[in-house]
C-alpha atoms as a PDB file:
ATOM      1  CA  MET A   1      -5.607  55.579  25.646  1.00  0.00           C
ATOM      2  CA  ASP A   2      -4.306  55.782  22.121  1.00  0.00           C
ATOM      3  CA  VAL A   3      -6.355  57.851  19.872  1.00  0.00           C
ATOM      4  CA  GLY A   4      -5.524  55.428  16.772  1.00  0.00           C
ATOM      5  CA  SER A   5      -6.929  52.351  18.543  1.00  0.00           C
ATOM      6  CA  THR A   6     -10.520  53.584  19.414  1.00  0.00           C
ATOM      7  CA  PRO A   7     -13.139  53.990  16.566  1.00  0.00           C
ATOM      8  CA  CYS A   8     -14.359  57.598  15.837  1.00  0.00           C
ATOM      9  CA  VAL A   9     -17.711  58.050  17.508  1.00  0.00           C
ATOM     10  CA  PRO A  10     -19.272  59.710  14.219  1.00  0.00           C
ATOM     11  CA  ALA A  11     -18.087  56.718  12.031  1.00  0.00           C
ATOM     12  CA  VAL A  12     -19.398  54.243  14.444  1.00  0.00           C
ATOM     13  CA  LEU A  13     -22.775  56.318  14.386  1.00  0.00           C
ATOM     14  CA  ALA A  14     -22.824  56.478  10.628  1.00  0.00           C
ATOM     15  CA  LEU A  15     -22.218  52.874  10.308  1.00  0.00           C
ATOM     16  CA  ALA A  16     -25.009  52.150  12.759  1.00  0.00           C
ATOM     17  CA  LEU A  17     -27.490  54.346  11.123  1.00  0.00           C
ATOM     18  CA  GLY A  18     -26.554  52.713   7.703  1.00  0.00           C
ATOM     19  CA  LEU A  19     -27.175  49.140   9.017  1.00  0.00           C
ATOM     20  CA  ALA A  20     -30.475  50.357  10.518  1.00  0.00           C
ATOM     21  CA  ALA A  21     -31.607  51.933   7.059  1.00  0.00           C
ATOM     22  CA  GLY A  22     -30.489  48.820   5.165  1.00  0.00           C
ATOM     23  CA  ALA A  23     -32.551  46.592   7.591  1.00  0.00           C
ATOM     24  CA  GLY A  24     -35.510  48.713   7.243  1.00  0.00           C
ATOM     25  CA  ALA A  25     -35.180  48.767   3.555  1.00  0.00           C
ATOM     26  CA  VAL A  26     -35.105  44.907   3.146  1.00  0.00           C
ATOM     27  CA  MET A  27     -37.944  44.691   5.619  1.00  0.00           C
ATOM     28  CA  TYR A  28     -40.085  47.167   3.388  1.00  0.00           C
ATOM     29  CA  LEU A  29     -39.228  45.375   0.192  1.00  0.00           C
ATOM     30  CA  ASN A  30     -40.251  41.894   1.658  1.00  0.00           C
ATOM     31  CA  SER A  31     -43.476  43.370   2.792  1.00  0.00           C
ATOM     32  CA  ASP A  32     -46.732  43.031   0.270  1.00  0.00           C
ATOM     33  CA  ARG A  33     -46.333  46.806  -0.607  1.00  0.00           C
ATOM     34  CA  GLY A  34     -42.670  46.510  -1.100  1.00  0.00           C
ATOM     35  CA  ARG A  35     -43.135  43.423  -3.382  1.00  0.00           C
ATOM     36  CA  ALA A  36     -45.814  45.219  -5.420  1.00  0.00           C
ATOM     37  CA  MET A  37     -43.464  48.226  -5.853  1.00  0.00           C
ATOM     38  CA  ARG A  38     -40.429  45.935  -6.793  1.00  0.00           C
ATOM     39  CA  GLU A  39     -42.673  44.075  -9.387  1.00  0.00           C
ATOM     40  CA  ARG A  40     -43.742  47.633 -11.095  1.00  0.00           C
ATOM     41  CA  ALA A  41     -40.127  48.892 -11.009  1.00  0.00           C
ATOM     42  CA  GLY A  42     -38.812  45.630 -12.256  1.00  0.00           C
ATOM     43  CA  HIS A  43     -41.130  45.692 -15.306  1.00  0.00           C
ATOM     44  CA  VAL A  44     -40.282  49.568 -15.889  1.00  0.00           C
ATOM     45  CA  PHE A  45     -36.465  48.993 -15.381  1.00  0.00           C
ATOM     46  CA  GLY A  46     -36.517  45.915 -17.481  1.00  0.00           C
ATOM     47  CA  GLU A  47     -38.052  47.627 -20.431  1.00  0.00           C
ATOM     48  CA  VAL A  48     -35.814  50.602 -20.104  1.00  0.00           C
ATOM     49  CA  GLY A  49     -32.852  48.296 -19.651  1.00  0.00           C
ATOM     50  CA  LYS A  50     -33.736  46.436 -22.812  1.00  0.00           C
ATOM     51  CA  VAL A  51     -33.848  49.835 -24.714  1.00  0.00           C
ATOM     52  CA  VAL A  52     -30.588  51.099 -23.410  1.00  0.00           C
ATOM     53  CA  LEU A  53     -28.799  47.826 -23.806  1.00  0.00           C
ATOM     54  CA  THR A  54     -29.797  47.625 -27.473  1.00  0.00           C
ATOM     55  CA  GLN A  55     -28.981  51.320 -28.051  1.00  0.00           C
ATOM     56  CA  VAL A  56     -25.497  50.707 -26.267  1.00  0.00           C
ATOM     57  CA  GLY A  57     -24.734  47.619 -28.314  1.00  0.00           C
ATOM     58  CA  GLU A  58     -25.505  49.520 -31.571  1.00  0.00           C
ATOM     59  CA  ALA A  59     -23.175  52.273 -30.622  1.00  0.00           C
ATOM     60  CA  MET A  60     -20.325  49.706 -29.582  1.00  0.00           C
ATOM     61  CA  THR A  61     -20.802  47.937 -32.860  1.00  0.00           C
ATOM     62  CA  MET A  62     -20.644  51.441 -34.772  1.00  0.00           C
ATOM     63  CA  ARG A  63     -17.494  52.153 -32.913  1.00  0.00           C
ATOM     64  CA  ASN A  64     -15.733  49.021 -33.676  1.00  0.00           C
ATOM     65  CA  HIS A  65     -16.638  49.596 -37.318  1.00  0.00           C
ATOM     66  CA  ALA A  66     -14.992  53.079 -37.264  1.00  0.00           C
ATOM     67  CA  LEU A  67     -12.001  51.808 -35.701  1.00  0.00           C
ATOM     68  CA  ALA A  68     -11.713  48.967 -38.206  1.00  0.00           C
ATOM     69  CA  ARG A  69     -12.036  51.557 -41.168  1.00  0.00           C
ATOM     70  CA  LEU A  70      -9.503  53.782 -39.411  1.00  0.00           C
ATOM     71  CA  GLU A  71      -6.791  50.830 -39.100  1.00  0.00           C
ATOM     72  CA  ARG A  72      -7.546  49.975 -42.808  1.00  0.00           C
ATOM     73  CA  THR A  73      -6.775  53.504 -43.887  1.00  0.00           C
ATOM     74  CA  ALA A  74      -4.346  55.037 -41.399  1.00  0.00           C
ATOM     75  CA  VAL A  75      -0.649  55.246 -42.438  1.00  0.00           C
ATOM     76  CA  PRO A  76       1.440  53.717 -39.669  1.00  0.00           C
ATOM     77  CA  LEU A  77       4.242  56.151 -38.429  1.00  0.00           C
ATOM     78  CA  ALA A  78       7.837  54.989 -39.444  1.00  0.00           C
ATOM     79  CA  ASP A  79       9.741  53.727 -36.563  1.00  0.00           C
ATOM     80  CA  ASP A  80      13.107  54.908 -37.832  1.00  0.00           C
ATOM     81  CA  PRO A  81      13.014  57.526 -40.820  1.00  0.00           C
ATOM     82  CA  PRO A  82      15.384  56.548 -43.551  1.00  0.00           C
ATOM     83  CA  LEU A  83      18.711  58.277 -43.610  1.00  0.00           C
ATOM     84  CA  ILE A  84      17.808  60.297 -46.712  1.00  0.00           C
ATOM     85  CA  SER A  85      14.779  61.916 -44.717  1.00  0.00           C
ATOM     86  CA  ARG A  86      16.899  62.662 -41.671  1.00  0.00           C
ATOM     87  CA  VAL A  87      19.552  64.448 -43.910  1.00  0.00           C
ATOM     88  CA  ALA A  88      16.895  66.319 -45.752  1.00  0.00           C
ATOM     89  CA  ARG A  89      15.432  67.615 -42.509  1.00  0.00           C
ATOM     90  CA  ALA A  90      18.896  68.548 -41.031  1.00  0.00           C
ATOM     91  CA  LEU A  91      19.785  70.528 -44.285  1.00  0.00           C
ATOM     92  CA  ALA A  92      16.089  72.010 -44.338  1.00  0.00           C
ATOM     93  CA  ILE A  93      16.545  73.400 -40.867  1.00  0.00           C
ATOM     94  CA  GLN A  94      20.393  74.565 -41.417  1.00  0.00           C
ATOM     95  CA  PRO A  95      21.467  74.589 -45.026  1.00  0.00           C
ATOM     96  CA  GLY A  96      25.157  75.001 -45.983  1.00  0.00           C
ATOM     97  CA  MET A  97      26.099  72.452 -43.533  1.00  0.00           C
ATOM     98  CA  THR A  98      28.991  69.927 -44.440  1.00  0.00           C
ATOM     99  CA  ALA A  99      28.608  66.171 -44.424  1.00  0.00           C
ATOM    100  CA  ALA A 100      30.419  65.929 -41.135  1.00  0.00           C
ATOM    101  CA  GLU A 101      28.149  68.818 -39.706  1.00  0.00           C
ATOM    102  CA  VAL A 102      25.156  66.694 -41.113  1.00  0.00           C
ATOM    103  CA  ALA A 103      26.303  63.566 -39.310  1.00  0.00           C
ATOM    104  CA  VAL A 104      26.812  65.250 -36.105  1.00  0.00           C
ATOM    105  CA  VAL A 105      23.215  66.780 -36.254  1.00  0.00           C
ATOM    106  CA  LEU A 106      22.040  63.170 -36.708  1.00  0.00           C
ATOM    107  CA  ASP A 107      24.001  61.953 -33.677  1.00  0.00           C
ATOM    108  CA  GLU A 108      25.948  59.630 -35.690  1.00  0.00           C
ATOM    109  CA  SER A 109      29.293  61.264 -36.120  1.00  0.00           C
ATOM    110  CA  GLY A 110      32.261  59.453 -37.138  1.00  0.00           C
ATOM    111  CA  ARG A 111      34.392  58.875 -40.481  1.00  0.00           C
ATOM    112  CA  ALA A 112      32.160  56.044 -41.671  1.00  0.00           C
ATOM    113  CA  MET A 113      28.730  58.100 -41.232  1.00  0.00           C
ATOM    114  CA  THR A 114      30.320  61.213 -42.568  1.00  0.00           C
ATOM    115  CA  THR A 115      31.357  59.237 -45.755  1.00  0.00           C
ATOM    116  CA  THR A 116      27.966  57.569 -45.977  1.00  0.00           C
ATOM    117  CA  VAL A 117      26.336  61.061 -45.637  1.00  0.00           C
ATOM    118  CA  ARG A 118      28.745  62.574 -48.234  1.00  0.00           C
ATOM    119  CA  ASP A 119      27.928  59.739 -50.778  1.00  0.00           C
ATOM    120  CA  LEU A 120      24.119  60.301 -50.174  1.00  0.00           C
ATOM    121  CA  LEU A 121      24.436  64.277 -50.786  1.00  0.00           C
ATOM    122  CA  ARG A 122      26.657  63.558 -53.998  1.00  0.00           C
ATOM    123  CA  ALA A 123      24.236  60.745 -55.306  1.00  0.00           C
ATOM    124  CA  THR A 124      20.728  62.486 -54.771  1.00  0.00           C
ATOM    125  CA  PRO A 125      19.589  65.165 -57.014  1.00  0.00           C
ATOM    126  CA  ALA A 126      17.442  66.868 -54.244  1.00  0.00           C
ATOM    127  CA  PHE A 127      20.759  68.219 -52.552  1.00  0.00           C
ATOM    128  CA  GLU A 128      22.821  70.848 -54.052  1.00  0.00           C
ATOM    129  CA  GLN A 129      26.400  71.604 -53.147  1.00  0.00           C
ATOM    130  CA  VAL A 130      26.497  75.423 -52.778  1.00  0.00           C
ATOM    131  CA  ARG A 131      30.193  75.539 -52.153  1.00  0.00           C
ATOM    132  CA  ARG A 132      32.967  73.025 -51.802  1.00  0.00           C
ATOM    133  CA  GLY A 133      31.935  70.641 -49.146  1.00  0.00           C
ATOM    134  CA  HIS A 134      28.692  72.641 -48.066  1.00  0.00           C
ATOM    135  CA  TRP A 135      25.264  71.397 -49.060  1.00  0.00           C
ATOM    136  CA  THR A 136      21.689  72.675 -49.199  1.00  0.00           C
ATOM    137  CA  LEU A 137      18.480  71.084 -49.819  1.00  0.00           C
ATOM    138  CA  GLY A 138      16.973  71.829 -53.274  1.00  0.00           C
ATOM    139  CA  ARG A 139      18.285  73.495 -56.254  1.00  0.00           C
ATOM    140  CA  LEU A 140      19.622  77.063 -56.478  1.00  0.00           C
ATOM    141  CA  GLY A 141      18.289  78.898 -59.579  1.00  0.00           C
ATOM    142  CA  GLY A 142      16.567  75.844 -60.960  1.00  0.00           C
ATOM    143  CA  ALA A 143      19.846  74.296 -62.130  1.00  0.00           C
ATOM    144  CA  SER A 144      19.995  70.680 -62.993  1.00  0.00           C
ATOM    145  CA  LYS A 145      22.663  68.292 -61.427  1.00  0.00           C
ATOM    146  CA  GLY A 146      24.757  66.931 -63.877  1.00  0.00           C
END
């Protein structure tokens, strides 16, 4: 006989005991004493249920108001930061790079991107050329770009 095809004796016994207990509970609740107990319990649980539901409703309303306030005040993250931010971050981490090196760090190497980065570096006062072709974020010694 295959073990997987016969039900396990403890499982069958537990099922039988559960059915018997359920049948006994139904019989008791349908008796006079059971009906009286159900009425008392229903009244108590009904009152408690009203209080609990009211408090849960108020808590959910407060939560929804808080989420609405958060949505109105939170600043959403930019999906793709502008090029100037990415260049500034790259030079803040590793100052003294060339435009081509910055383009490589940005994972956008190539002649066109190198030219775009170089033009941005030259046009933006936040970047300083420390030696020919090598750039840093910020000013050296407070000098003005001119």
